Amino acid sequence: MKLTVNDKETETTAAATILDLLQEHKLERDRVVVELNGQIVRREVWGDTLLHEKDSILLLSFVGGG
């Protein structure tokens, strides 16, 4: 399936849901915000939100520092 992730076209076979995509990219759930086709998706539904061909996903991760 072809997706656009952070403005970069990507092909994936493993990601069926947003949660699958996060696991594929090794991102921690509590440190990321997901936008799917221009809409923020709540964490509670990531496992139920199916991805489709040509979806556009923006993954924003928070990084701490000091």
N, C-alpha and C. Protein backbone atom coordinates (compact mmCIF):
# COMPACT_ATOMS: atom_id res chain seq x y z
N MET A 1 0.85 -1.17 0.00
CA MET A 1 0.00 0.00 0.00
C MET A 1 0.90 1.23 0.00
N LYS A 2 0.56 2.22 -0.83
CA LYS A 2 1.32 3.46 -0.89
C LYS A 2 0.65 4.50 0.00
N LEU A 3 1.46 5.10 0.87
CA LEU A 3 1.01 6.15 1.78
C LEU A 3 1.98 7.31 1.66
N THR A 4 1.51 8.49 2.06
CA THR A 4 2.41 9.62 2.21
C THR A 4 2.56 9.86 3.70
N VAL A 5 3.78 9.69 4.20
CA VAL A 5 4.06 9.86 5.62
C VAL A 5 5.03 11.02 5.75
N ASN A 6 4.60 12.05 6.46
CA ASN A 6 5.40 13.27 6.63
C ASN A 6 5.92 13.79 5.29
N ASP A 7 5.00 13.90 4.33
CA ASP A 7 5.26 14.45 3.00
C ASP A 7 6.22 13.60 2.16
N LYS A 8 6.42 12.34 2.54
CA LYS A 8 7.29 11.45 1.77
C LYS A 8 6.49 10.20 1.38
N GLU A 9 6.45 9.90 0.08
CA GLU A 9 5.72 8.72 -0.36
C GLU A 9 6.43 7.47 0.12
N THR A 10 5.64 6.57 0.73
CA THR A 10 6.17 5.36 1.34
C THR A 10 5.31 4.18 0.93
N GLU A 11 5.93 3.03 0.81
CA GLU A 11 5.17 1.82 0.54
C GLU A 11 5.30 0.91 1.75
N THR A 12 4.18 0.35 2.19
CA THR A 12 4.19 -0.51 3.36
C THR A 12 3.31 -1.72 3.11
N THR A 13 3.70 -2.83 3.69
CA THR A 13 2.86 -4.03 3.63
C THR A 13 2.39 -4.40 5.03
N ALA A 14 3.07 -3.87 6.04
CA ALA A 14 2.76 -4.25 7.42
C ALA A 14 1.68 -3.38 8.06
N ALA A 15 1.56 -2.14 7.65
CA ALA A 15 0.68 -1.20 8.33
C ALA A 15 -0.75 -1.28 7.81
N ALA A 16 -1.66 -1.72 8.66
CA ALA A 16 -3.07 -1.75 8.31
C ALA A 16 -3.83 -0.68 9.10
N THR A 17 -3.31 -0.34 10.28
CA THR A 17 -3.92 0.68 11.13
C THR A 17 -2.86 1.72 11.49
N ILE A 18 -3.31 2.80 12.09
CA ILE A 18 -2.37 3.83 12.55
C ILE A 18 -1.42 3.22 13.57
N LEU A 19 -1.93 2.41 14.48
CA LEU A 19 -1.08 1.79 15.50
C LEU A 19 -0.01 0.91 14.85
N ASP A 20 -0.36 0.16 13.82
CA ASP A 20 0.62 -0.66 13.09
C ASP A 20 1.72 0.23 12.50
N LEU A 21 1.31 1.36 11.92
CA LEU A 21 2.27 2.27 11.31
C LEU A 21 3.24 2.83 12.36
N LEU A 22 2.72 3.19 13.52
CA LEU A 22 3.58 3.70 14.59
C LEU A 22 4.58 2.64 15.03
N GLN A 23 4.12 1.40 15.15
CA GLN A 23 5.03 0.31 15.54
C GLN A 23 6.08 0.08 14.47
N GLU A 24 5.69 0.17 13.21
CA GLU A 24 6.63 0.00 12.10
C GLU A 24 7.73 1.07 12.13
N HIS A 25 7.35 2.29 12.53
CA HIS A 25 8.30 3.40 12.60
C HIS A 25 8.97 3.52 13.97
N LYS A 26 8.66 2.57 14.86
CA LYS A 26 9.24 2.51 16.21
C LYS A 26 9.02 3.81 16.99
N LEU A 27 7.79 4.31 16.92
CA LEU A 27 7.43 5.53 17.65
C LEU A 27 6.64 5.18 18.90
N GLU A 28 6.93 5.87 20.00
CA GLU A 28 6.22 5.64 21.25
C GLU A 28 4.87 6.34 21.22
N ARG A 29 3.82 5.62 21.61
CA ARG A 29 2.46 6.15 21.55
C ARG A 29 2.27 7.43 22.34
N ASP A 30 2.92 7.53 23.49
CA ASP A 30 2.68 8.68 24.36
C ASP A 30 3.47 9.92 23.94
N ARG A 31 4.27 9.82 22.87
CA ARG A 31 5.09 10.95 22.44
C ARG A 31 4.82 11.36 21.00
N VAL A 32 3.62 11.04 20.49
CA VAL A 32 3.34 11.33 19.09
C VAL A 32 1.90 11.81 18.91
N VAL A 33 1.71 12.67 17.92
CA VAL A 33 0.39 13.11 17.49
C VAL A 33 0.26 12.67 16.04
N VAL A 34 -0.93 12.17 15.67
CA VAL A 34 -1.14 11.67 14.32
C VAL A 34 -2.23 12.48 13.63
N GLU A 35 -1.91 12.93 12.43
CA GLU A 35 -2.88 13.60 11.58
C GLU A 35 -3.08 12.70 10.36
N LEU A 36 -4.33 12.36 10.07
CA LEU A 36 -4.66 11.52 8.92
C LEU A 36 -5.53 12.31 7.97
N ASN A 37 -5.04 12.54 6.77
CA ASN A 37 -5.76 13.31 5.75
C ASN A 37 -6.28 14.64 6.29
N GLY A 38 -5.42 15.32 7.04
CA GLY A 38 -5.75 16.65 7.53
C GLY A 38 -6.53 16.72 8.83
N GLN A 39 -6.82 15.55 9.44
CA GLN A 39 -7.58 15.52 10.69
C GLN A 39 -6.77 14.83 11.79
N ILE A 40 -6.72 15.46 12.97
CA ILE A 40 -6.05 14.84 14.11
C ILE A 40 -6.86 13.61 14.52
N VAL A 41 -6.15 12.52 14.80
CA VAL A 41 -6.81 11.27 15.21
C VAL A 41 -6.49 11.03 16.68
N ARG A 42 -7.54 10.79 17.48
CA ARG A 42 -7.36 10.54 18.92
C ARG A 42 -6.67 9.20 19.15
N ARG A 43 -5.80 9.15 20.15
CA ARG A 43 -5.06 7.93 20.49
C ARG A 43 -5.98 6.72 20.71
N GLU A 44 -7.12 6.95 21.29
CA GLU A 44 -8.03 5.86 21.64
C GLU A 44 -8.48 5.05 20.42
N VAL A 45 -8.42 5.64 19.23
CA VAL A 45 -8.92 4.94 18.04
C VAL A 45 -7.82 4.55 17.05
N TRP A 46 -6.56 4.72 17.42
CA TRP A 46 -5.47 4.38 16.51
C TRP A 46 -5.51 2.92 16.08
N GLY A 47 -5.81 2.02 17.00
CA GLY A 47 -5.86 0.59 16.68
C GLY A 47 -7.02 0.21 15.79
N ASP A 48 -8.05 1.06 15.75
CA ASP A 48 -9.25 0.78 14.96
C ASP A 48 -9.30 1.57 13.66
N THR A 49 -8.38 2.52 13.48
CA THR A 49 -8.40 3.38 12.31
C THR A 49 -7.59 2.76 11.18
N LEU A 50 -8.30 2.27 10.17
CA LEU A 50 -7.65 1.60 9.05
C LEU A 50 -7.02 2.62 8.10
N LEU A 51 -5.89 2.24 7.55
CA LEU A 51 -5.23 3.06 6.55
C LEU A 51 -5.61 2.55 5.17
N HIS A 52 -5.68 3.48 4.22
CA HIS A 52 -6.06 3.15 2.85
C HIS A 52 -5.03 3.69 1.87
N GLU A 53 -5.00 3.09 0.70
CA GLU A 53 -4.11 3.51 -0.37
C GLU A 53 -4.18 5.03 -0.55
N LYS A 54 -3.02 5.66 -0.64
CA LYS A 54 -2.87 7.10 -0.88
C LYS A 54 -3.28 7.99 0.29
N ASP A 55 -3.46 7.43 1.50
CA ASP A 55 -3.70 8.27 2.68
C ASP A 55 -2.47 9.13 2.93
N SER A 56 -2.70 10.29 3.53
CA SER A 56 -1.63 11.20 3.90
C SER A 56 -1.59 11.27 5.42
N ILE A 57 -0.44 10.89 5.99
CA ILE A 57 -0.30 10.83 7.44
C ILE A 57 0.84 11.75 7.86
N LEU A 58 0.59 12.53 8.89
CA LEU A 58 1.61 13.37 9.48
C LEU A 58 1.85 12.86 10.89
N LEU A 59 3.09 12.47 11.18
CA LEU A 59 3.47 11.98 12.50
C LEU A 59 4.35 13.02 13.17
N LEU A 60 3.87 13.57 14.25
CA LEU A 60 4.62 14.58 15.00
C LEU A 60 5.04 13.98 16.32
N SER A 61 6.34 13.87 16.54
CA SER A 61 6.80 13.30 17.80
C SER A 61 7.42 14.39 18.67
N PHE A 62 7.24 14.24 19.96
CA PHE A 62 7.75 15.20 20.91
C PHE A 62 9.11 14.74 21.42
N VAL A 63 10.04 15.68 21.49
CA VAL A 63 11.38 15.37 21.94
C VAL A 63 11.68 16.29 23.11
N GLY A 64 12.11 15.70 24.21
CA GLY A 64 12.48 16.50 25.38
C GLY A 64 13.95 16.88 25.34
N GLY A 65 14.27 17.89 26.02
CA GLY A 65 15.67 18.30 26.05
C GLY A 65 15.91 19.23 27.22
N GLY A 66 17.09 19.62 27.37
CA GLY A 66 17.36 20.53 28.48
C GLY A 66 18.74 21.08 28.45
